[in-house]
Amino acid sequence: MNSLNHAYIYTATSKLILIKIGGSILHDPNSVSALIRDIKAILTSGYQIVLVHGGSKAINEALQMYGIESKFIEGLRVTSSAAIKVIEMVLCGQVNQMLVRMLNQMGIKAAGLSGAQNHMLQCNYLDKKYGFVGEVKQVNSQDISHLLANQITPVIATIGVDDIGHAVNINGDMAAYHLASALAVDKLIYLTDQDGIYNNDGQLLRILSENNLHELVKNAIVSNGMLVKVKAILKALQCNLDQVMIANGMQPYSLINAILKQHNPGTLCLKNQN
């Protein structure tokens, strides 16, 4: 795999950043508190932030409590008619409101949104083998723009709707890419419980081009949740983003390093250079 210059600086000249927070991070109160302190510092520095969150661990626990099996195909959660009700309850109620409350407690104006509200995330069904899993076909971002115009940080749960208003589950990484594209954000950052993307030898890959990412997928070096994330990043790079970051949201100051200090704390994915 061709290596790019590891001294590449993650440019942070933008004003609108979309941050996708993985569900594993949100399951750790200490990590959430530290992350919110970073978010407050970034907002204070003049940036605007849109937060998109998952809830995988909380969803797994709730499904187990209701006796519903958790099953995944190629990193995507298979969602039955019974499961979608639980997933919507957990994401839009428990996880979203917890995050909003913690932001508010830190003095950050924030409001929770669901992708199902006002058809924000309008979906087709991805494939019948996944059940009630949606593929975003249209983003209606008026509610998000209204909050941003009033200096309120949107916190978005990734539930969408089909054409007749039924709730569908959307993979959080894919939802983040669609929202980032629709909002024309300057930066897209995925926060996970890993430092970034690794090769087969366990080495953290600091800089990757689109071609490098395609190689990782082709050679099955990434799998499960990271496979979905890489596919979402490739779509983002093919649209209007020049770079996408993956960083460990459970490591202190990852966001500060990425945005305010302009360092690369994880894996930086870049559009191919012509």
C-alpha atoms as a PDB file:
ATOM      1  CA  MET A   1       0.000   0.000   0.000  1.00  0.00           C
ATOM      2  CA  ASN A   2       1.444   3.350  -0.985  1.00  0.00           C
ATOM      3  CA  SER A   3       2.175   5.567   1.970  1.00  0.00           C
ATOM      4  CA  LEU A   4       1.381   9.265   2.000  1.00  0.00           C
ATOM      5  CA  ASN A   5       3.289  11.882   3.944  1.00  0.00           C
ATOM      6  CA  HIS A   6       2.701  11.228   7.646  1.00  0.00           C
ATOM      7  CA  ALA A   7       3.541  14.853   8.410  1.00  0.00           C
ATOM      8  CA  TYR A   8       0.334  15.924   6.689  1.00  0.00           C
ATOM      9  CA  ILE A   9      -1.469  18.444   8.878  1.00  0.00           C
ATOM     10  CA  TYR A  10      -5.192  18.067   9.421  1.00  0.00           C
ATOM     11  CA  THR A  11      -6.371  21.514   8.342  1.00  0.00           C
ATOM     12  CA  ALA A  12      -8.956  23.120  10.571  1.00  0.00           C
ATOM     13  CA  THR A  13      -9.939  26.351   8.884  1.00  0.00           C
ATOM     14  CA  SER A  14     -13.622  25.477   8.713  1.00  0.00           C
ATOM     15  CA  LYS A  15     -16.584  26.622  10.738  1.00  0.00           C
ATOM     16  CA  LEU A  16     -19.060  23.728  10.456  1.00  0.00           C
ATOM     17  CA  ILE A  17     -18.017  20.287  11.655  1.00  0.00           C
ATOM     18  CA  LEU A  18     -20.084  17.110  11.819  1.00  0.00           C
ATOM     19  CA  ILE A  19     -19.003  14.669  14.506  1.00  0.00           C
ATOM     20  CA  LYS A  20     -20.359  11.137  14.618  1.00  0.00           C
ATOM     21  CA  ILE A  21     -20.070   9.642  18.107  1.00  0.00           C
ATOM     22  CA  GLY A  22     -20.020   5.858  18.338  1.00  0.00           C
ATOM     23  CA  GLY A  23     -22.279   4.022  20.737  1.00  0.00           C
ATOM     24  CA  SER A  24     -19.378   2.493  22.667  1.00  0.00           C
ATOM     25  CA  ILE A  25     -18.200   5.959  23.684  1.00  0.00           C
ATOM     26  CA  LEU A  26     -21.653   6.976  24.868  1.00  0.00           C
ATOM     27  CA  HIS A  27     -21.751   3.928  27.132  1.00  0.00           C
ATOM     28  CA  ASP A  28     -18.856   5.342  29.180  1.00  0.00           C
ATOM     29  CA  PRO A  29     -19.917   8.406  31.248  1.00  0.00           C
ATOM     30  CA  ASN A  30     -16.325   9.518  31.858  1.00  0.00           C
ATOM     31  CA  SER A  31     -15.549   9.487  28.136  1.00  0.00           C
ATOM     32  CA  VAL A  32     -18.729  11.426  27.391  1.00  0.00           C
ATOM     33  CA  SER A  33     -17.902  14.078  29.990  1.00  0.00           C
ATOM     34  CA  ALA A  34     -14.376  14.515  28.624  1.00  0.00           C
ATOM     35  CA  LEU A  35     -15.691  14.658  25.069  1.00  0.00           C
ATOM     36  CA  ILE A  36     -18.228  17.333  25.952  1.00  0.00           C
ATOM     37  CA  ARG A  37     -15.488  19.455  27.507  1.00  0.00           C
ATOM     38  CA  ASP A  38     -13.639  19.250  24.187  1.00  0.00           C
ATOM     39  CA  ILE A  39     -16.821  20.140  22.292  1.00  0.00           C
ATOM     40  CA  LYS A  40     -17.349  23.192  24.491  1.00  0.00           C
ATOM     41  CA  ALA A  41     -13.792  24.387  23.838  1.00  0.00           C
ATOM     42  CA  ILE A  42     -14.284  23.980  20.091  1.00  0.00           C
ATOM     43  CA  LEU A  43     -17.616  25.826  20.122  1.00  0.00           C
ATOM     44  CA  THR A  44     -16.049  28.614  22.167  1.00  0.00           C
ATOM     45  CA  SER A  45     -13.346  28.914  19.501  1.00  0.00           C
ATOM     46  CA  GLY A  46     -15.955  29.885  16.922  1.00  0.00           C
ATOM     47  CA  TYR A  47     -16.873  26.607  15.272  1.00  0.00           C
ATOM     48  CA  GLN A  48     -20.356  25.167  14.875  1.00  0.00           C
ATOM     49  CA  ILE A  49     -20.915  21.470  15.429  1.00  0.00           C
ATOM     50  CA  VAL A  50     -23.555  18.960  14.390  1.00  0.00           C
ATOM     51  CA  LEU A  51     -23.529  15.795  16.497  1.00  0.00           C
ATOM     52  CA  VAL A  52     -24.740  12.464  15.129  1.00  0.00           C
ATOM     53  CA  HIS A  53     -24.746   9.528  17.513  1.00  0.00           C
ATOM     54  CA  GLY A  54     -25.051   5.787  17.582  1.00  0.00           C
ATOM     55  CA  GLY A  55     -26.105   3.642  20.492  1.00  0.00           C
ATOM     56  CA  SER A  56     -24.943   0.125  19.744  1.00  0.00           C
ATOM     57  CA  LYS A  57     -24.210  -1.029  23.286  1.00  0.00           C
ATOM     58  CA  ALA A  58     -27.399   0.451  24.730  1.00  0.00           C
ATOM     59  CA  ILE A  59     -29.383  -1.102  21.870  1.00  0.00           C
ATOM     60  CA  ASN A  60     -27.792  -4.514  22.420  1.00  0.00           C
ATOM     61  CA  GLU A  61     -28.675  -4.397  26.114  1.00  0.00           C
ATOM     62  CA  ALA A  62     -32.267  -3.340  25.428  1.00  0.00           C
ATOM     63  CA  LEU A  63     -32.794  -5.989  22.749  1.00  0.00           C
ATOM     64  CA  GLN A  64     -31.455  -8.635  25.107  1.00  0.00           C
ATOM     65  CA  MET A  65     -33.810  -7.435  27.825  1.00  0.00           C
ATOM     66  CA  TYR A  66     -36.750  -7.828  25.418  1.00  0.00           C
ATOM     67  CA  GLY A  67     -35.526 -11.231  24.233  1.00  0.00           C
ATOM     68  CA  ILE A  68     -34.703 -10.030  20.704  1.00  0.00           C
ATOM     69  CA  GLU A  69     -31.610 -11.431  18.997  1.00  0.00           C
ATOM     70  CA  SER A  70     -28.862  -9.039  17.847  1.00  0.00           C
ATOM     71  CA  LYS A  71     -27.738 -10.120  14.385  1.00  0.00           C
ATOM     72  CA  PHE A  72     -25.367  -8.395  11.958  1.00  0.00           C
ATOM     73  CA  ILE A  73     -24.590  -8.889   8.273  1.00  0.00           C
ATOM     74  CA  GLU A  74     -21.457  -7.172   6.922  1.00  0.00           C
ATOM     75  CA  GLY A  75     -21.457  -4.834   9.912  1.00  0.00           C
ATOM     76  CA  LEU A  76     -25.105  -3.791   9.541  1.00  0.00           C
ATOM     77  CA  ARG A  77     -27.700  -4.611  12.173  1.00  0.00           C
ATOM     78  CA  VAL A  78     -30.562  -6.814  10.980  1.00  0.00           C
ATOM     79  CA  THR A  79     -33.704  -5.089  12.238  1.00  0.00           C
ATOM     80  CA  SER A  80     -37.017  -6.899  12.707  1.00  0.00           C
ATOM     81  CA  SER A  81     -40.379  -5.188  13.221  1.00  0.00           C
ATOM     82  CA  ALA A  82     -40.007  -5.822  16.951  1.00  0.00           C
ATOM     83  CA  ALA A  83     -36.412  -4.584  17.018  1.00  0.00           C
ATOM     84  CA  ILE A  84     -37.102  -1.256  15.295  1.00  0.00           C
ATOM     85  CA  LYS A  85     -39.482  -0.257  18.082  1.00  0.00           C
ATOM     86  CA  VAL A  86     -36.828  -0.914  20.706  1.00  0.00           C
ATOM     87  CA  ILE A  87     -34.079   0.749  18.664  1.00  0.00           C
ATOM     88  CA  GLU A  88     -36.146   3.904  18.149  1.00  0.00           C
ATOM     89  CA  MET A  89     -36.972   4.025  21.856  1.00  0.00           C
ATOM     90  CA  VAL A  90     -33.318   3.651  22.863  1.00  0.00           C
ATOM     91  CA  LEU A  91     -31.783   6.003  20.290  1.00  0.00           C
ATOM     92  CA  CYS A  92     -34.353   8.793  20.361  1.00  0.00           C
ATOM     93  CA  GLY A  93     -35.245   8.559  24.017  1.00  0.00           C
ATOM     94  CA  GLN A  94     -32.517   7.168  26.196  1.00  0.00           C
ATOM     95  CA  VAL A  95     -29.296   7.950  24.314  1.00  0.00           C
ATOM     96  CA  ASN A  96     -30.252  11.188  22.579  1.00  0.00           C
ATOM     97  CA  GLN A  97     -31.758  12.784  25.646  1.00  0.00           C
ATOM     98  CA  MET A  98     -28.856  11.694  27.852  1.00  0.00           C
ATOM     99  CA  LEU A  99     -26.404  13.375  25.514  1.00  0.00           C
ATOM    100  CA  VAL A 100     -28.488  16.550  25.262  1.00  0.00           C
ATOM    101  CA  ARG A 101     -28.804  16.766  29.051  1.00  0.00           C
ATOM    102  CA  MET A 102     -25.057  16.384  29.535  1.00  0.00           C
ATOM    103  CA  LEU A 103     -24.360  19.070  26.933  1.00  0.00           C
ATOM    104  CA  ASN A 104     -26.844  21.402  28.616  1.00  0.00           C
ATOM    105  CA  GLN A 105     -25.265  20.754  32.009  1.00  0.00           C
ATOM    106  CA  MET A 106     -21.931  21.919  30.577  1.00  0.00           C
ATOM    107  CA  GLY A 107     -23.529  25.166  29.423  1.00  0.00           C
ATOM    108  CA  ILE A 108     -23.924  24.157  25.774  1.00  0.00           C
ATOM    109  CA  LYS A 109     -27.195  25.001  24.058  1.00  0.00           C
ATOM    110  CA  ALA A 110     -28.218  21.743  22.404  1.00  0.00           C
ATOM    111  CA  ALA A 111     -31.423  20.164  21.126  1.00  0.00           C
ATOM    112  CA  GLY A 112     -32.204  16.574  20.230  1.00  0.00           C
ATOM    113  CA  LEU A 113     -33.550  15.598  16.834  1.00  0.00           C
ATOM    114  CA  SER A 114     -34.564  12.330  15.241  1.00  0.00           C
ATOM    115  CA  GLY A 115     -34.017  11.696  11.565  1.00  0.00           C
ATOM    116  CA  ALA A 116     -37.675  10.694  11.488  1.00  0.00           C
ATOM    117  CA  GLN A 117     -38.825  14.208  12.420  1.00  0.00           C
ATOM    118  CA  ASN A 118     -40.190  16.193   9.467  1.00  0.00           C
ATOM    119  CA  HIS A 119     -38.807  13.485   7.149  1.00  0.00           C
ATOM    120  CA  MET A 120     -35.257  14.661   7.843  1.00  0.00           C
ATOM    121  CA  LEU A 121     -33.832  11.307   6.717  1.00  0.00           C
ATOM    122  CA  GLN A 122     -36.124   9.963   4.003  1.00  0.00           C
ATOM    123  CA  CYS A 123     -35.256   6.367   3.187  1.00  0.00           C
ATOM    124  CA  ASN A 124     -35.714   3.455   0.880  1.00  0.00           C
ATOM    125  CA  TYR A 125     -35.289  -0.028   2.310  1.00  0.00           C
ATOM    126  CA  LEU A 126     -31.705  -1.178   1.911  1.00  0.00           C
ATOM    127  CA  ASP A 127     -32.373  -4.891   1.309  1.00  0.00           C
ATOM    128  CA  LYS A 128     -35.029  -7.266   2.597  1.00  0.00           C
ATOM    129  CA  LYS A 129     -32.337  -9.402   4.266  1.00  0.00           C
ATOM    130  CA  TYR A 130     -31.718  -6.519   6.689  1.00  0.00           C
ATOM    131  CA  GLY A 131     -35.383  -5.963   7.541  1.00  0.00           C
ATOM    132  CA  PHE A 132     -36.303  -2.447   8.687  1.00  0.00           C
ATOM    133  CA  VAL A 133     -32.991  -0.883   7.668  1.00  0.00           C
ATOM    134  CA  GLY A 134     -33.069   2.253   5.571  1.00  0.00           C
ATOM    135  CA  GLU A 135     -30.814   3.707   2.910  1.00  0.00           C
ATOM    136  CA  VAL A 136     -31.053   7.497   2.872  1.00  0.00           C
ATOM    137  CA  LYS A 137     -32.404   8.864  -0.391  1.00  0.00           C
ATOM    138  CA  GLN A 138     -33.104  12.439   0.695  1.00  0.00           C
ATOM    139  CA  VAL A 139     -32.040  14.725   3.531  1.00  0.00           C
ATOM    140  CA  ASN A 140     -34.328  17.545   4.628  1.00  0.00           C
ATOM    141  CA  SER A 141     -32.040  19.690   6.748  1.00  0.00           C
ATOM    142  CA  GLN A 142     -34.272  22.667   7.597  1.00  0.00           C
ATOM    143  CA  ASP A 143     -34.584  21.758  11.281  1.00  0.00           C
ATOM    144  CA  ILE A 144     -30.814  21.425  11.596  1.00  0.00           C
ATOM    145  CA  SER A 145     -30.194  24.734   9.838  1.00  0.00           C
ATOM    146  CA  HIS A 146     -32.730  26.466  12.085  1.00  0.00           C
ATOM    147  CA  LEU A 147     -30.939  25.273  15.218  1.00  0.00           C
ATOM    148  CA  LEU A 148     -27.527  26.274  13.880  1.00  0.00           C
ATOM    149  CA  ALA A 149     -28.830  29.727  12.960  1.00  0.00           C
ATOM    150  CA  ASN A 150     -29.824  30.136  16.598  1.00  0.00           C
ATOM    151  CA  GLN A 151     -26.450  28.931  17.914  1.00  0.00           C
ATOM    152  CA  ILE A 152     -27.923  25.645  19.147  1.00  0.00           C
ATOM    153  CA  THR A 153     -26.000  22.411  18.635  1.00  0.00           C
ATOM    154  CA  PRO A 154     -28.153  19.744  16.916  1.00  0.00           C
ATOM    155  CA  VAL A 155     -27.895  16.227  18.350  1.00  0.00           C
ATOM    156  CA  ILE A 156     -29.274  13.727  15.838  1.00  0.00           C
ATOM    157  CA  ALA A 157     -30.474  10.164  16.412  1.00  0.00           C
ATOM    158  CA  THR A 158     -30.198   8.087  13.255  1.00  0.00           C
ATOM    159  CA  ILE A 159     -33.746   6.861  12.807  1.00  0.00           C
ATOM    160  CA  GLY A 160     -35.300   7.559   9.415  1.00  0.00           C
ATOM    161  CA  VAL A 161     -38.671   7.116   7.764  1.00  0.00           C
ATOM    162  CA  ASP A 162     -39.930   5.351   4.668  1.00  0.00           C
ATOM    163  CA  ASP A 163     -42.366   6.875   2.186  1.00  0.00           C
ATOM    164  CA  ILE A 164     -45.388   6.146   4.374  1.00  0.00           C
ATOM    165  CA  GLY A 165     -43.841   7.257   7.650  1.00  0.00           C
ATOM    166  CA  HIS A 166     -42.676   3.959   9.130  1.00  0.00           C
ATOM    167  CA  ALA A 167     -39.526   4.194  11.224  1.00  0.00           C
ATOM    168  CA  VAL A 168     -36.408   2.539   9.835  1.00  0.00           C
ATOM    169  CA  ASN A 169     -32.992   1.960  11.354  1.00  0.00           C
ATOM    170  CA  ILE A 170     -30.087   3.701   9.611  1.00  0.00           C
ATOM    171  CA  ASN A 171     -26.464   2.834  10.154  1.00  0.00           C
ATOM    172  CA  GLY A 172     -25.014   5.806  12.022  1.00  0.00           C
ATOM    173  CA  ASP A 173     -21.872   6.041   9.896  1.00  0.00           C
ATOM    174  CA  MET A 174     -23.866   6.149   6.674  1.00  0.00           C
ATOM    175  CA  ALA A 175     -26.322   8.658   8.142  1.00  0.00           C
ATOM    176  CA  ALA A 176     -23.410  10.888   9.155  1.00  0.00           C
ATOM    177  CA  TYR A 177     -22.037  10.882   5.610  1.00  0.00           C
ATOM    178  CA  HIS A 178     -25.428  11.801   4.126  1.00  0.00           C
ATOM    179  CA  LEU A 179     -25.939  14.612   6.636  1.00  0.00           C
ATOM    180  CA  ALA A 180     -22.406  15.918   6.125  1.00  0.00           C
ATOM    181  CA  SER A 181     -22.957  16.015   2.377  1.00  0.00           C
ATOM    182  CA  ALA A 182     -26.361  17.702   2.611  1.00  0.00           C
ATOM    183  CA  LEU A 183     -25.096  20.334   5.055  1.00  0.00           C
ATOM    184  CA  ALA A 184     -21.895  20.904   3.051  1.00  0.00           C
ATOM    185  CA  VAL A 185     -19.849  20.669   6.240  1.00  0.00           C
ATOM    186  CA  ASP A 186     -16.172  21.471   6.122  1.00  0.00           C
ATOM    187  CA  LYS A 187     -15.070  18.576   8.295  1.00  0.00           C
ATOM    188  CA  LEU A 188     -16.450  15.124   9.090  1.00  0.00           C
ATOM    189  CA  ILE A 189     -15.014  13.277  12.079  1.00  0.00           C
ATOM    190  CA  TYR A 190     -15.889   9.749  13.190  1.00  0.00           C
ATOM    191  CA  LEU A 191     -15.218   9.085  16.870  1.00  0.00           C
ATOM    192  CA  THR A 192     -14.916   5.409  17.807  1.00  0.00           C
ATOM    193  CA  ASP A 193     -13.427   3.283  20.577  1.00  0.00           C
ATOM    194  CA  GLN A 194     -10.392   2.572  18.372  1.00  0.00           C
ATOM    195  CA  ASP A 195      -7.476   4.831  17.463  1.00  0.00           C
ATOM    196  CA  GLY A 196      -8.240   4.505  13.756  1.00  0.00           C
ATOM    197  CA  ILE A 197      -7.762   1.987  10.951  1.00  0.00           C
ATOM    198  CA  TYR A 198      -5.172  -0.763  11.385  1.00  0.00           C
ATOM    199  CA  ASN A 199      -3.416  -3.038   8.922  1.00  0.00           C
ATOM    200  CA  ASN A 200      -3.115  -6.807   9.348  1.00  0.00           C
ATOM    201  CA  ASP A 201       0.031  -6.351  11.439  1.00  0.00           C
ATOM    202  CA  GLY A 202      -1.791  -4.215  13.980  1.00  0.00           C
ATOM    203  CA  GLN A 203      -0.121  -1.008  12.807  1.00  0.00           C
ATOM    204  CA  LEU A 204      -2.197   2.166  12.934  1.00  0.00           C
ATOM    205  CA  LEU A 205      -2.518   3.659   9.447  1.00  0.00           C
ATOM    206  CA  ARG A 206      -2.181   7.410   9.882  1.00  0.00           C
ATOM    207  CA  ILE A 207      -2.853   8.638   6.338  1.00  0.00           C
ATOM    208  CA  LEU A 208      -4.977   6.892   3.702  1.00  0.00           C
ATOM    209  CA  SER A 209      -6.076   7.955   0.230  1.00  0.00           C
ATOM    210  CA  GLU A 210      -9.265   6.816  -1.491  1.00  0.00           C
ATOM    211  CA  ASN A 211      -7.186   4.242  -3.360  1.00  0.00           C
ATOM    212  CA  ASN A 212      -5.745   2.968  -0.081  1.00  0.00           C
ATOM    213  CA  LEU A 213      -9.250   2.636   1.358  1.00  0.00           C
ATOM    214  CA  HIS A 214     -10.439   0.677  -1.673  1.00  0.00           C
ATOM    215  CA  GLU A 215      -7.488  -1.685  -1.187  1.00  0.00           C
ATOM    216  CA  LEU A 216      -8.431  -2.246   2.454  1.00  0.00           C
ATOM    217  CA  VAL A 217     -11.963  -3.218   1.435  1.00  0.00           C
ATOM    218  CA  LYS A 218     -10.833  -5.363  -1.508  1.00  0.00           C
ATOM    219  CA  ASN A 219      -8.326  -7.278   0.621  1.00  0.00           C
ATOM    220  CA  ALA A 220     -10.753  -7.707   3.545  1.00  0.00           C
ATOM    221  CA  ILE A 221      -8.411  -5.891   5.925  1.00  0.00           C
ATOM    222  CA  VAL A 222     -11.349  -4.005   7.428  1.00  0.00           C
ATOM    223  CA  SER A 223     -14.463  -5.836   8.573  1.00  0.00           C
ATOM    224  CA  ASN A 224     -17.699  -5.486  10.524  1.00  0.00           C
ATOM    225  CA  GLY A 225     -18.297  -1.963  11.827  1.00  0.00           C
ATOM    226  CA  MET A 226     -15.044  -0.572  10.429  1.00  0.00           C
ATOM    227  CA  LEU A 227     -15.963  -1.897   6.977  1.00  0.00           C
ATOM    228  CA  VAL A 228     -19.194   0.111   7.038  1.00  0.00           C
ATOM    229  CA  LYS A 229     -17.291   3.154   8.278  1.00  0.00           C
ATOM    230  CA  VAL A 230     -14.754   2.912   5.452  1.00  0.00           C
ATOM    231  CA  LYS A 231     -17.552   2.590   2.887  1.00  0.00           C
ATOM    232  CA  ALA A 232     -19.211   5.699   4.337  1.00  0.00           C
ATOM    233  CA  ILE A 233     -15.921   7.598   4.217  1.00  0.00           C
ATOM    234  CA  LEU A 234     -15.396   6.646   0.573  1.00  0.00           C
ATOM    235  CA  LYS A 235     -18.835   8.010  -0.270  1.00  0.00           C
ATOM    236  CA  ALA A 236     -18.063  11.224   1.616  1.00  0.00           C
ATOM    237  CA  LEU A 237     -14.769  11.690  -0.239  1.00  0.00           C
ATOM    238  CA  GLN A 238     -16.533  11.127  -3.556  1.00  0.00           C
ATOM    239  CA  CYS A 239     -18.891  13.992  -2.741  1.00  0.00           C
ATOM    240  CA  ASN A 240     -17.825  17.361  -1.382  1.00  0.00           C
ATOM    241  CA  LEU A 241     -15.297  16.481   1.321  1.00  0.00           C
ATOM    242  CA  ASP A 242     -11.531  16.482   0.842  1.00  0.00           C
ATOM    243  CA  GLN A 243     -10.737  14.723   4.116  1.00  0.00           C
ATOM    244  CA  VAL A 244     -12.420  12.631   6.802  1.00  0.00           C
ATOM    245  CA  MET A 245     -10.955  11.797  10.199  1.00  0.00           C
ATOM    246  CA  ILE A 246     -11.333   8.690  12.368  1.00  0.00           C
ATOM    247  CA  ALA A 247     -10.203   9.161  15.963  1.00  0.00           C
ATOM    248  CA  ASN A 248     -10.561   7.512  19.352  1.00  0.00           C
ATOM    249  CA  GLY A 249     -13.281   9.367  21.224  1.00  0.00           C
ATOM    250  CA  MET A 250     -12.289   7.635  24.454  1.00  0.00           C
ATOM    251  CA  GLN A 251      -8.834   9.202  24.396  1.00  0.00           C
ATOM    252  CA  PRO A 252      -8.619  12.622  26.080  1.00  0.00           C
ATOM    253  CA  TYR A 253      -8.264  15.613  23.770  1.00  0.00           C
ATOM    254  CA  SER A 254      -8.724  13.723  20.493  1.00  0.00           C
ATOM    255  CA  LEU A 255     -11.062  16.421  19.195  1.00  0.00           C
ATOM    256  CA  ILE A 256      -8.889  19.221  20.535  1.00  0.00           C
ATOM    257  CA  ASN A 257      -5.891  17.730  18.747  1.00  0.00           C
ATOM    258  CA  ALA A 258      -7.785  17.231  15.492  1.00  0.00           C
ATOM    259  CA  ILE A 259      -9.461  20.624  15.315  1.00  0.00           C
ATOM    260  CA  LEU A 260      -7.772  23.223  17.493  1.00  0.00           C
ATOM    261  CA  LYS A 261      -4.194  21.916  17.503  1.00  0.00           C
ATOM    262  CA  GLN A 262      -4.397  20.683  13.904  1.00  0.00           C
ATOM    263  CA  HIS A 263      -2.733  17.352  14.660  1.00  0.00           C
ATOM    264  CA  ASN A 264      -3.772  13.933  13.386  1.00  0.00           C
ATOM    265  CA  PRO A 265      -4.775  11.812  16.404  1.00  0.00           C
ATOM    266  CA  GLY A 266      -6.034   8.851  14.382  1.00  0.00           C
ATOM    267  CA  THR A 267      -6.475   7.988  10.707  1.00  0.00           C
ATOM    268  CA  LEU A 268      -6.865  10.793   8.188  1.00  0.00           C
ATOM    269  CA  CYS A 269      -8.603   9.766   4.954  1.00  0.00           C
ATOM    270  CA  LEU A 270      -7.967  11.958   1.921  1.00  0.00           C
ATOM    271  CA  LYS A 271      -9.502  12.445  -1.484  1.00  0.00           C
ATOM    272  CA  ASN A 272      -7.214  11.140  -4.230  1.00  0.00           C
ATOM    273  CA  GLN A 273      -4.678  13.713  -5.378  1.00  0.00           C
ATOM    274  CA  ASN A 274      -4.765  14.298  -9.124  1.00  0.00           C
END
